[in-house]
């Protein structure tokens, strides 16, 4: 198992701290640093800035929003970032959600699985520097009956094949991820539920005659060290409530649906009710300690070290650390402690 670092969204007043964290992760031998985007900062610019000030660590999008860019533009950006970083770029993609896709990007949120399948196919074709032509349900290249021509990407990526990751939650999306991607970007990953959750992934791999060997399972896992487990859970409550209660509408919130499938239906309803009533503290308080404990690494070092085995046994290959708690020095200490704990566990690769 390897370690990654999730910087989350840029532009919330701690940007300089995030660069320090990325440099420290680079120094400690972390495998990858990820940046996110929603409707604020874009991930590509952030990753370019981070790549310019690090040396060995990979930089990855978690995620580039599929409705935000044409597939050819994503291929151009991926090739550019791979070139500028010296072959350190990983391409994470996600469909976003109906509110952002339709409200911010003006793209209908219809048939996301088919759109993703076509999108990834075009991106891969462009990055392979094949002449770009495609005839699909959502994308047609070149457009018919016009002056467009099939073009070839002029930039040569450093990597022969830039790894593609998909952020997936539902079973059908997970199966698609196993089928067409090189890795899975997961959230609220609980080792106890892994066998059921990863069954569609394995089915997708089997569709193309492949096993899980070489497939990168990458959950983002909040980490807080301390003697009191319940107290360690408190800084994570706002993060959990934001996704379960505030990401999407009441009718369509993929994270809320995930919490329900994990057995927390009543809590998911309460969290959403409170969050939508703008009772954010109440929404955070409604997140069950058990849910946080199952999907995070919290408590004393020995407890975290022992818990790592559950993630490794569940198939996690890159554990992405979300160090949201405390000031910069506390977060730096969390990165250092995670590197030490992983080494002590004997699970490092």
Protein backbone atom coordinates (compact mmCIF):
# COMPACT_ATOMS: atom_id res chain seq x y z
CA UNK A 1 0.00 0.00 0.00
CA UNK A 2 1.15 3.52 -0.87
CA UNK A 3 0.14 6.92 0.51
CA UNK A 4 -1.39 9.89 -1.24
CA UNK A 5 -2.40 13.38 -0.12
CA UNK A 6 -5.71 15.07 -0.91
CA UNK A 7 -5.50 18.86 -0.92
CA UNK A 8 -9.23 19.23 -1.51
CA UNK A 9 -10.49 22.50 -2.99
CA UNK A 10 -8.21 25.49 -3.46
CA UNK A 11 -9.10 29.02 -2.41
CA UNK A 12 -10.26 28.69 1.18
CA UNK A 13 -7.51 30.74 2.79
CA UNK A 14 -5.00 27.95 3.39
CA UNK A 15 -3.44 27.75 -0.07
CA UNK A 16 0.11 28.45 1.10
CA UNK A 17 -0.29 25.73 3.73
CA UNK A 18 -1.41 23.27 1.06
CA UNK A 19 1.74 23.88 -0.94
CA UNK A 20 3.82 23.22 2.18
CA UNK A 21 1.89 19.99 2.72
CA UNK A 22 2.46 18.91 -0.89
CA UNK A 23 6.19 19.53 -0.56
CA UNK A 24 6.31 17.58 2.70
CA UNK A 25 4.43 14.68 1.12
CA UNK A 26 6.98 14.76 -1.69
CA UNK A 27 9.84 14.66 0.82
CA UNK A 28 8.24 11.81 2.76
CA UNK A 29 7.87 9.64 -0.32
CA UNK A 30 4.10 9.89 -0.78
CA UNK A 31 3.00 8.52 -4.14
CA UNK A 32 0.59 11.21 -5.34
CA UNK A 33 -1.03 14.51 -4.42
CA UNK A 34 -4.59 15.17 -5.61
CA UNK A 35 -6.48 18.42 -6.18
CA UNK A 36 -10.26 18.83 -6.58
CA UNK A 37 -12.61 21.20 -8.37
CA UNK A 38 -16.30 22.02 -8.09
CA UNK A 39 -17.36 25.58 -9.02
CA UNK A 40 -14.42 27.53 -7.64
CA UNK A 41 -10.78 26.79 -8.33
CA UNK A 42 -9.94 24.49 -11.22
CA UNK A 43 -7.72 21.49 -10.57
CA UNK A 44 -5.49 21.87 -13.63
CA UNK A 45 -4.02 25.21 -12.57
CA UNK A 46 -3.47 24.02 -9.01
CA UNK A 47 -1.71 20.85 -10.18
CA UNK A 48 0.53 22.82 -12.51
CA UNK A 49 1.58 25.04 -9.60
CA UNK A 50 2.17 22.08 -7.29
CA UNK A 51 4.09 20.12 -9.93
CA UNK A 52 6.41 23.08 -10.52
CA UNK A 53 7.39 23.10 -6.84
CA UNK A 54 7.77 19.37 -6.17
CA UNK A 55 10.21 16.82 -7.52
CA UNK A 56 9.05 13.19 -7.36
CA UNK A 57 5.44 13.00 -6.26
CA UNK A 58 2.75 12.42 -8.89
CA UNK A 59 0.02 15.05 -9.31
CA UNK A 60 -3.54 13.94 -9.95
CA UNK A 61 -6.95 15.43 -10.63
CA UNK A 62 -9.58 14.23 -8.19
CA UNK A 63 -11.39 15.11 -10.25
CA UNK A 64 -11.63 16.93 -13.57
CA UNK A 65 -15.37 17.37 -14.13
CA UNK A 66 -16.52 15.67 -17.33
CA UNK A 67 -19.19 18.31 -18.13
CA UNK A 68 -16.65 21.10 -17.74
CA UNK A 69 -14.40 20.21 -20.69
CA UNK A 70 -14.63 18.54 -24.05
CA UNK A 71 -12.75 15.22 -24.06
CA UNK A 72 -10.21 16.65 -26.50
CA UNK A 73 -9.56 19.58 -24.14
CA UNK A 74 -9.04 17.14 -21.27
CA UNK A 75 -6.55 15.21 -23.38
CA UNK A 76 -4.70 18.44 -24.18
CA UNK A 77 -4.58 19.38 -20.49
CA UNK A 78 -3.47 15.90 -19.44
CA UNK A 79 -0.71 15.82 -22.04
CA UNK A 80 0.47 19.29 -21.04
CA UNK A 81 0.52 18.51 -17.32
CA UNK A 82 2.32 15.23 -17.96
CA UNK A 83 4.95 17.05 -20.02
CA UNK A 84 5.41 19.92 -17.56
CA UNK A 85 5.67 17.55 -14.58
CA UNK A 86 8.12 15.18 -16.26
CA UNK A 87 5.67 12.30 -16.48
CA UNK A 88 3.97 12.66 -13.09
CA UNK A 89 0.33 13.29 -14.03
CA UNK A 90 -2.67 11.07 -13.21
CA UNK A 91 -6.02 11.84 -14.79
CA UNK A 92 -9.00 11.51 -12.45
CA UNK A 93 -12.44 12.11 -13.95
CA UNK A 94 -15.96 12.39 -12.57
CA UNK A 95 -19.42 13.25 -13.85
CA UNK A 96 -20.05 15.78 -11.03
CA UNK A 97 -23.76 16.01 -10.14
CA UNK A 98 -26.97 17.39 -11.68
CA UNK A 99 -26.87 20.72 -9.88
CA UNK A 100 -23.30 21.59 -10.92
CA UNK A 101 -23.47 19.98 -14.36
CA UNK A 102 -26.69 21.71 -15.37
CA UNK A 103 -26.50 24.83 -13.19
CA UNK A 104 -22.84 25.74 -13.60
CA UNK A 105 -21.72 24.10 -16.85
CA UNK A 106 -25.05 24.07 -18.73
CA UNK A 107 -24.68 20.38 -19.60
CA UNK A 108 -27.63 18.04 -19.18
CA UNK A 109 -27.01 15.32 -16.60
CA UNK A 110 -28.40 12.50 -18.68
CA UNK A 111 -27.04 8.98 -19.18
CA UNK A 112 -23.82 9.70 -17.26
CA UNK A 113 -22.48 6.16 -17.75
CA UNK A 114 -22.64 6.29 -21.54
CA UNK A 115 -21.24 9.83 -21.56
CA UNK A 116 -18.33 8.68 -19.38
CA UNK A 117 -17.65 5.67 -21.58
CA UNK A 118 -17.48 7.81 -24.71
CA UNK A 119 -15.48 10.52 -22.96
CA UNK A 120 -12.77 8.16 -21.73
CA UNK A 121 -12.56 6.48 -25.12
CA UNK A 122 -11.96 9.81 -26.86
CA UNK A 123 -9.43 10.95 -24.25
CA UNK A 124 -7.45 7.73 -24.58
CA UNK A 125 -7.54 7.93 -28.36
CA UNK A 126 -6.30 11.51 -28.33
CA UNK A 127 -3.53 10.77 -25.81
CA UNK A 128 -2.40 7.84 -27.96
CA UNK A 129 -1.97 10.45 -30.70
CA UNK A 130 -4.36 8.70 -33.04
CA UNK A 131 -6.19 10.76 -35.64
CA UNK A 132 -9.29 11.79 -33.70
CA UNK A 133 -12.57 10.61 -35.11
CA UNK A 134 -15.52 9.32 -33.11
CA UNK A 135 -19.18 8.57 -33.72
CA UNK A 136 -21.12 8.22 -30.49
CA UNK A 137 -24.37 9.18 -28.80
CA UNK A 138 -22.89 12.26 -27.10
CA UNK A 139 -19.78 13.04 -29.12
CA UNK A 140 -19.21 13.13 -32.88
CA UNK A 141 -15.76 14.06 -34.18
CA UNK A 142 -15.37 15.66 -36.65
CA UNK A 143 -18.83 17.15 -36.97
CA UNK A 144 -20.49 15.96 -40.18
CA UNK A 145 -21.18 18.20 -43.18
CA UNK A 146 -18.74 20.88 -42.08
CA UNK A 147 -15.12 22.00 -42.41
CA UNK A 148 -13.86 20.02 -39.42
CA UNK A 149 -11.12 17.45 -39.93
CA UNK A 150 -9.73 14.61 -37.84
CA UNK A 151 -6.67 15.98 -36.06
CA UNK A 152 -3.82 14.47 -34.06
CA UNK A 153 -2.59 15.74 -30.69
CA UNK A 154 0.64 17.66 -31.28
CA UNK A 155 2.00 17.23 -27.73
CA UNK A 156 3.84 14.02 -26.83
CA UNK A 157 3.04 13.02 -23.20
CA UNK A 158 6.01 11.73 -21.25
CA UNK A 159 4.15 8.60 -20.16
CA UNK A 160 3.29 6.09 -22.82
CA UNK A 161 -0.11 5.78 -21.15
CA UNK A 162 -1.40 8.36 -18.66
CA UNK A 163 -3.37 6.46 -15.97
CA UNK A 164 -7.09 7.21 -15.92
CA UNK A 165 -9.07 7.10 -12.66
CA UNK A 166 -12.82 7.43 -12.22
CA UNK A 167 -14.66 8.73 -9.16
CA UNK A 168 -17.53 6.27 -8.79
CA UNK A 169 -20.13 5.53 -6.11
CA UNK A 170 -23.05 3.54 -7.51
CA UNK A 171 -22.78 -0.12 -8.55
CA UNK A 172 -23.18 0.49 -12.30
CA UNK A 173 -20.60 3.28 -12.25
CA UNK A 174 -18.24 1.04 -10.29
CA UNK A 175 -18.59 -1.71 -12.88
CA UNK A 176 -17.81 0.79 -15.63
CA UNK A 177 -14.78 1.95 -13.67
CA UNK A 178 -13.43 -1.57 -13.45
CA UNK A 179 -14.00 -2.02 -17.16
CA UNK A 180 -12.46 1.15 -18.62
CA UNK A 181 -10.24 2.77 -15.98
CA UNK A 182 -6.86 2.15 -14.37
CA UNK A 183 -8.01 3.11 -10.89
CA UNK A 184 -10.94 4.05 -8.65
CA UNK A 185 -11.19 7.25 -6.60
CA UNK A 186 -13.35 6.35 -3.60
CA UNK A 187 -14.95 8.31 -0.79
CA UNK A 188 -16.39 7.00 2.49
CA UNK A 189 -14.62 3.69 1.95
CA UNK A 190 -15.32 1.26 4.81
CA UNK A 191 -13.20 -1.92 4.79
CA UNK A 192 -16.08 -3.83 6.42
CA UNK A 193 -18.24 -3.12 3.33
CA UNK A 194 -15.47 -3.53 0.78
CA UNK A 195 -16.35 -6.99 -0.45
CA UNK A 196 -19.85 -5.90 -1.47
CA UNK A 197 -18.77 -2.50 -2.79
CA UNK A 198 -15.93 -3.87 -4.91
CA UNK A 199 -17.91 -6.73 -6.46
CA UNK A 200 -19.01 -4.48 -9.39
CA UNK A 201 -15.40 -3.35 -9.86
CA UNK A 202 -14.27 -6.94 -10.19
CA UNK A 203 -17.13 -7.65 -12.58
CA UNK A 204 -16.01 -4.78 -14.75
CA UNK A 205 -12.45 -6.08 -14.81
CA UNK A 206 -13.66 -9.56 -15.68
CA UNK A 207 -15.60 -8.18 -18.65
CA UNK A 208 -12.28 -7.41 -20.29
CA UNK A 209 -10.53 -10.55 -19.08
CA UNK A 210 -8.54 -8.84 -16.32
CA UNK A 211 -8.17 -9.30 -12.59
CA UNK A 212 -7.70 -6.59 -9.95
CA UNK A 213 -3.93 -6.98 -10.34
CA UNK A 214 -2.47 -3.58 -11.23
CA UNK A 215 -5.76 -1.75 -10.62
CA UNK A 216 -5.34 1.16 -8.20
CA UNK A 217 -7.97 1.40 -5.43
CA UNK A 218 -7.66 4.91 -3.98
CA UNK A 219 -9.96 6.01 -1.17
CA UNK A 220 -9.62 9.42 0.43
CA UNK A 221 -9.43 8.78 4.18
CA UNK A 222 -9.59 11.53 6.83
CA UNK A 223 -6.83 11.03 9.43
CA UNK A 224 -6.77 12.47 12.96
CA UNK A 225 -4.37 11.25 15.65
CA UNK A 226 -5.18 11.54 19.35
CA UNK A 227 -5.92 9.61 22.51
CA UNK A 228 -9.69 10.18 22.50
CA UNK A 229 -11.35 8.47 19.51
CA UNK A 230 -14.60 10.42 19.84
CA UNK A 231 -12.72 13.73 20.03
CA UNK A 232 -10.71 12.75 16.94
CA UNK A 233 -13.97 12.24 15.05
CA UNK A 234 -15.21 15.77 15.73
CA UNK A 235 -13.06 17.58 13.10
CA UNK A 236 -14.36 15.15 10.46
CA UNK A 237 -18.04 15.75 11.18
CA UNK A 238 -18.32 18.86 9.01
CA UNK A 239 -16.66 17.11 6.07
CA UNK A 240 -19.01 14.13 6.33
CA UNK A 241 -22.10 16.30 6.76
CA UNK A 242 -21.19 18.45 3.74
CA UNK A 243 -21.21 15.45 1.42
CA UNK A 244 -24.05 13.44 2.95
CA UNK A 245 -26.28 16.45 3.53
CA UNK A 246 -25.21 19.18 1.15
CA UNK A 247 -23.82 17.73 -2.08
CA UNK A 248 -26.70 17.63 -4.53
CA UNK A 249 -30.45 17.95 -4.08
CA UNK A 250 -32.74 16.14 -1.68
CA UNK A 251 -33.79 13.85 -4.53
CA UNK A 252 -30.30 13.18 -5.93
CA UNK A 253 -27.35 13.09 -3.57
CA UNK A 254 -25.02 10.21 -4.40
CA UNK A 255 -23.20 10.43 -1.05
CA UNK A 256 -26.44 10.34 0.88
CA UNK A 257 -27.48 7.27 -1.09
CA UNK A 258 -24.11 5.66 -0.33
CA UNK A 259 -24.55 6.25 3.41
CA UNK A 260 -27.98 4.67 3.15
CA UNK A 261 -26.59 1.59 1.39
CA UNK A 262 -24.01 1.32 4.15
CA UNK A 263 -26.79 0.97 6.72
CA UNK A 264 -27.17 4.58 7.92
CA UNK A 265 -30.50 5.49 6.33
CA UNK A 266 -32.03 7.30 9.31
CA UNK A 267 -28.83 9.19 10.02
CA UNK A 268 -28.55 10.17 6.34
CA UNK A 269 -32.08 11.58 6.41
CA UNK A 270 -31.41 13.56 9.60
CA UNK A 271 -28.07 14.90 8.32
CA UNK A 272 -29.68 16.07 5.08
CA UNK A 273 -32.67 17.64 6.85
CA UNK A 274 -30.45 19.61 9.19
CA UNK A 275 -27.96 20.61 6.50
CA UNK A 276 -30.68 21.88 4.18
CA UNK A 277 -32.15 23.84 7.09
CA UNK A 278 -28.66 25.42 7.42
CA UNK A 279 -28.16 23.80 10.81
CA UNK A 280 -24.63 22.80 9.88
CA UNK A 281 -23.53 22.11 13.45
CA UNK A 282 -26.57 19.90 13.95
CA UNK A 283 -25.87 18.07 10.70
CA UNK A 284 -22.33 17.38 11.82
CA UNK A 285 -23.49 16.18 15.22
CA UNK A 286 -25.91 13.79 13.51
CA UNK A 287 -23.12 11.91 11.72
CA UNK A 288 -22.74 8.63 13.65
CA UNK A 289 -19.38 8.07 15.33
CA UNK A 290 -19.43 4.53 13.93
CA UNK A 291 -19.70 5.87 10.36
CA UNK A 292 -16.72 8.18 10.87
CA UNK A 293 -14.70 5.44 12.54
CA UNK A 294 -15.38 3.00 9.69
CA UNK A 295 -14.44 5.48 6.95
CA UNK A 296 -11.55 7.32 8.64
CA UNK A 297 -8.36 6.64 10.58
CA UNK A 298 -8.76 8.13 14.05
CA UNK A 299 -7.26 7.64 17.48
CA UNK A 300 -3.85 6.68 18.90
CA UNK A 301 -1.03 5.67 16.58
CA UNK A 302 -1.26 2.00 17.50
CA UNK A 303 -4.97 1.96 16.69
CA UNK A 304 -4.39 3.66 13.33
CA UNK A 305 -1.55 1.27 12.51
CA UNK A 306 -3.71 -1.76 13.28
CA UNK A 307 -6.60 -0.30 11.29
CA UNK A 308 -4.38 0.07 8.22
CA UNK A 309 -4.37 -3.70 7.83
CA UNK A 310 -8.14 -3.66 7.32
CA UNK A 311 -7.77 -1.19 4.43
CA UNK A 312 -4.97 -3.23 2.86
CA UNK A 313 -6.89 -6.48 3.26
CA UNK A 314 -9.91 -4.83 1.62
CA UNK A 315 -7.85 -4.15 -1.51
CA UNK A 316 -6.72 -0.55 -1.02
CA UNK A 317 -3.50 0.09 -2.94
CA UNK A 318 -3.13 3.86 -2.45
CA UNK A 319 -4.54 5.36 0.75
CA UNK A 320 -5.05 9.08 0.23
CA UNK A 321 -4.70 11.06 3.45
CA UNK A 322 -7.04 13.97 4.14
CA UNK A 323 -5.35 15.93 6.94
CA UNK A 324 -8.07 18.48 7.71
CA UNK A 325 -7.54 18.85 11.45
CA UNK A 326 -5.55 21.55 13.19
CA UNK A 327 -3.03 24.16 12.12
CA UNK A 328 -0.26 23.65 9.59
CA UNK A 329 2.14 22.09 12.09
CA UNK A 330 -0.49 19.59 13.20
CA UNK A 331 -1.25 18.63 9.61
CA UNK A 332 2.45 18.25 8.81
CA UNK A 333 2.80 16.04 11.86
CA UNK A 334 -0.13 13.94 10.58
CA UNK A 335 1.64 13.35 7.26
CA UNK A 336 4.85 12.39 9.06
CA UNK A 337 3.03 10.08 11.45
CA UNK A 338 1.16 8.35 8.62
CA UNK A 339 4.41 7.66 6.79
CA UNK A 340 5.92 6.22 9.97
CA UNK A 341 2.82 4.18 10.84
CA UNK A 342 2.65 2.69 7.35
CA UNK A 343 6.30 1.69 7.57
CA UNK A 344 5.80 0.20 11.02
CA UNK A 345 2.83 -1.81 9.76
CA UNK A 346 4.92 -3.63 7.17
CA UNK A 347 2.34 -2.77 4.49
CA UNK A 348 4.34 -0.15 2.61
CA UNK A 349 5.09 -0.81 -1.04
